[in-house]
Each structure stands twice: as structure tokens, then as C-alpha cells.
Amino acid sequence: MIRDGATLVGTIGFYRLDGQGNGEIGYWIAPDQRGGGRLREAANAVIDWAFSSEGAALTRIEWRAVVGNEASARVARALGFRFEGTLRQALVSAKHRDDGWIAALLKIDERMPQPWPVLED
């Protein structure tokens, strides 16, 4: 959880931990909290933990989002995730399926922003 004092302003965590060094990061932050670097700071901390031998000892962390979620994509890119492509109809909700973007960060990667073909700038 990401808090501002006692107020919950966001969440961050790992999903799909497969026991073989792979996991998926997920995050959310309240719209009025965006742009201040708080999510990126929290994400860097949990990524450090996930890659450490005292933490989850991951080798690969995936990020996924519905195609068009540029805000989430910009955070992932700033964290050093490498864009890997579009997964057609891969993100399933209770009502429908959406195309999804996928990116990954490896333990050996330099955590520097990389070009993403789906983001302009």
C-alpha cells in the first residue's frame, strides 16, 4: 500500500509468482497523487526487494496493461521496463477481454528508460 499519512493513495504488488523466478508487477495510484514521483519511488523499492535474494529472488518481472493506458506505460518505461509487444485479447475481466501491452524488466537490466514504440515523446 502507498499512503500519505493515514490515507491510502495507491497500491503496488506482485502477482503470478511462479516459483521459477518470474512475477508480474501491478500498481495503481489515485489521480490526484499522480506526477509527484511517489509511485515510481514505491515501485523502485518493491522491485529492489523482488530481485533480492532476501526478497522474492525474481529474475524477470512483467508489466501488463490494457492497450492505451499510457499513464501506466510511462511509469513502467521510467522504471526501465522494455516493451515487448501487444497480447491480443489477453487481459480478461468479468465482462470482456482486452488487448494488452506487455513489458519486462530482468534482474540484469540497467534500470534506465528505454524507447517504447507505443509512446510518443
Protein backbone atom coordinates (compact mmCIF):
# COMPACT_ATOMS: atom_id res chain seq x y z
CA MET A 1 0.00 0.00 0.00
CA ILE A 2 1.08 3.54 -0.68
CA ARG A 3 -0.03 6.01 1.96
CA ASP A 4 0.04 9.72 2.59
CA GLY A 5 -0.09 9.72 6.37
CA ALA A 6 -3.10 7.57 7.21
CA THR A 7 -4.69 7.99 3.77
CA LEU A 8 -4.40 5.21 1.19
CA VAL A 9 -3.32 6.81 -2.09
CA GLY A 10 -2.20 3.76 -4.06
CA THR A 11 -1.35 0.10 -4.15
CA ILE A 12 1.54 -1.90 -5.53
CA GLY A 13 2.29 -5.59 -5.51
CA PHE A 14 3.37 -8.71 -7.33
CA TYR A 15 1.17 -11.33 -8.98
CA ARG A 16 1.71 -14.57 -10.82
CA LEU A 17 4.82 -15.52 -8.85
CA ASP A 18 5.61 -18.87 -10.42
CA GLY A 19 8.38 -20.16 -8.16
CA GLN A 20 10.80 -20.12 -11.09
CA GLY A 21 11.93 -16.52 -10.80
CA ASN A 22 9.08 -14.82 -12.67
CA GLY A 23 6.43 -12.42 -11.43
CA GLU A 24 4.20 -9.58 -12.55
CA ILE A 25 4.05 -6.12 -11.00
CA GLY A 26 0.80 -4.23 -10.67
CA TYR A 27 0.17 -0.74 -9.37
CA TRP A 28 -2.43 1.96 -9.01
CA ILE A 29 -2.29 5.49 -7.63
CA ALA A 30 -5.08 8.00 -7.05
CA PRO A 31 -5.42 10.55 -9.87
CA ASP A 32 -4.71 13.48 -7.56
CA GLN A 33 -1.44 11.84 -6.45
CA ARG A 34 -0.01 11.30 -9.93
CA GLY A 35 3.05 13.11 -11.20
CA GLY A 36 4.87 13.57 -7.91
CA GLY A 37 7.18 10.56 -8.22
CA ARG A 38 5.60 8.70 -5.30
CA LEU A 39 4.59 5.68 -7.41
CA ARG A 40 8.00 5.47 -9.05
CA GLU A 41 9.70 5.61 -5.64
CA ALA A 42 7.46 2.83 -4.29
CA ALA A 43 7.94 0.74 -7.43
CA ASN A 44 11.72 1.02 -7.27
CA ALA A 45 11.63 -0.15 -3.65
CA VAL A 46 9.47 -3.20 -4.36
CA ILE A 47 11.50 -4.05 -7.49
CA ASP A 48 14.69 -3.93 -5.40
CA TRP A 49 13.03 -6.31 -2.93
CA ALA A 50 11.73 -8.61 -5.68
CA PHE A 51 15.16 -9.02 -7.27
CA SER A 52 16.99 -9.51 -3.95
CA SER A 53 17.84 -12.91 -2.52
CA GLU A 54 16.23 -11.78 0.77
CA GLY A 55 13.03 -10.97 -1.13
CA ALA A 56 11.35 -12.91 -3.92
CA ALA A 57 14.63 -13.63 -5.78
CA LEU A 58 13.00 -12.92 -9.15
CA THR A 59 14.87 -12.93 -12.44
CA ARG A 60 12.09 -11.44 -14.59
CA ILE A 61 9.30 -9.02 -13.71
CA GLU A 62 6.50 -8.50 -16.22
CA TRP A 63 4.22 -5.48 -16.50
CA ARG A 64 0.90 -5.60 -18.35
CA ALA A 65 -1.77 -3.00 -19.02
CA VAL A 66 -4.75 -2.53 -21.30
CA VAL A 67 -3.66 -1.06 -24.63
CA GLY A 68 -3.89 2.71 -24.37
CA ASN A 69 -3.08 3.01 -20.66
CA GLU A 70 -0.27 5.46 -21.33
CA ALA A 71 -0.01 6.67 -17.72
CA SER A 72 0.89 3.18 -16.50
CA ALA A 73 3.16 2.64 -19.50
CA ARG A 74 5.09 5.83 -18.79
CA VAL A 75 5.76 4.69 -15.22
CA ALA A 76 6.92 1.26 -16.43
CA ARG A 77 9.17 2.83 -19.05
CA ALA A 78 10.68 5.20 -16.44
CA LEU A 79 11.44 2.16 -14.26
CA GLY A 80 13.45 0.59 -17.09
CA PHE A 81 10.93 -1.96 -18.37
CA ARG A 82 11.45 -2.98 -22.00
CA PHE A 83 8.35 -3.01 -24.19
CA GLU A 84 7.81 -6.47 -25.64
CA GLY A 85 4.57 -6.17 -27.57
CA THR A 86 0.81 -6.45 -27.63
CA LEU A 87 -1.06 -9.51 -26.38
CA ARG A 88 -4.30 -9.81 -28.31
CA GLN A 89 -7.41 -10.28 -26.13
CA ALA A 90 -5.17 -11.46 -23.28
CA LEU A 91 -6.45 -9.32 -20.40
CA VAL A 92 -9.66 -10.82 -19.09
CA SER A 93 -12.16 -9.08 -16.83
CA ALA A 94 -15.59 -10.17 -15.65
CA LYS A 95 -17.26 -8.52 -18.66
CA HIS A 96 -14.83 -8.67 -21.58
CA ARG A 97 -11.36 -9.25 -22.94
CA ASP A 98 -8.91 -6.51 -23.85
CA ASP A 99 -5.72 -6.32 -25.83
CA GLY A 100 -2.78 -5.76 -23.51
CA TRP A 101 0.65 -4.28 -23.66
CA ILE A 102 3.46 -6.29 -22.09
CA ALA A 103 6.91 -5.23 -20.97
CA ALA A 104 9.55 -6.82 -18.78
CA LEU A 105 12.47 -5.98 -16.58
CA LEU A 106 15.23 -8.50 -16.00
CA LYS A 107 17.44 -8.55 -12.93
CA ILE A 108 20.45 -7.97 -15.19
CA ASP A 109 18.92 -4.96 -16.99
CA GLU A 110 20.09 -1.44 -16.37
CA ARG A 111 17.06 0.30 -14.96
CA MET A 112 17.12 3.20 -17.38
CA PRO A 113 14.19 4.36 -19.53
CA GLN A 114 14.10 2.71 -22.94
CA PRO A 115 12.28 3.75 -26.12
CA TRP A 116 8.76 2.35 -26.39
CA PRO A 117 7.17 2.33 -29.86
CA VAL A 118 3.67 2.83 -28.40
CA LEU A 119 4.58 6.03 -26.56
CA GLU A 120 5.26 9.26 -28.36
CA ASP A 121 7.99 11.51 -26.97
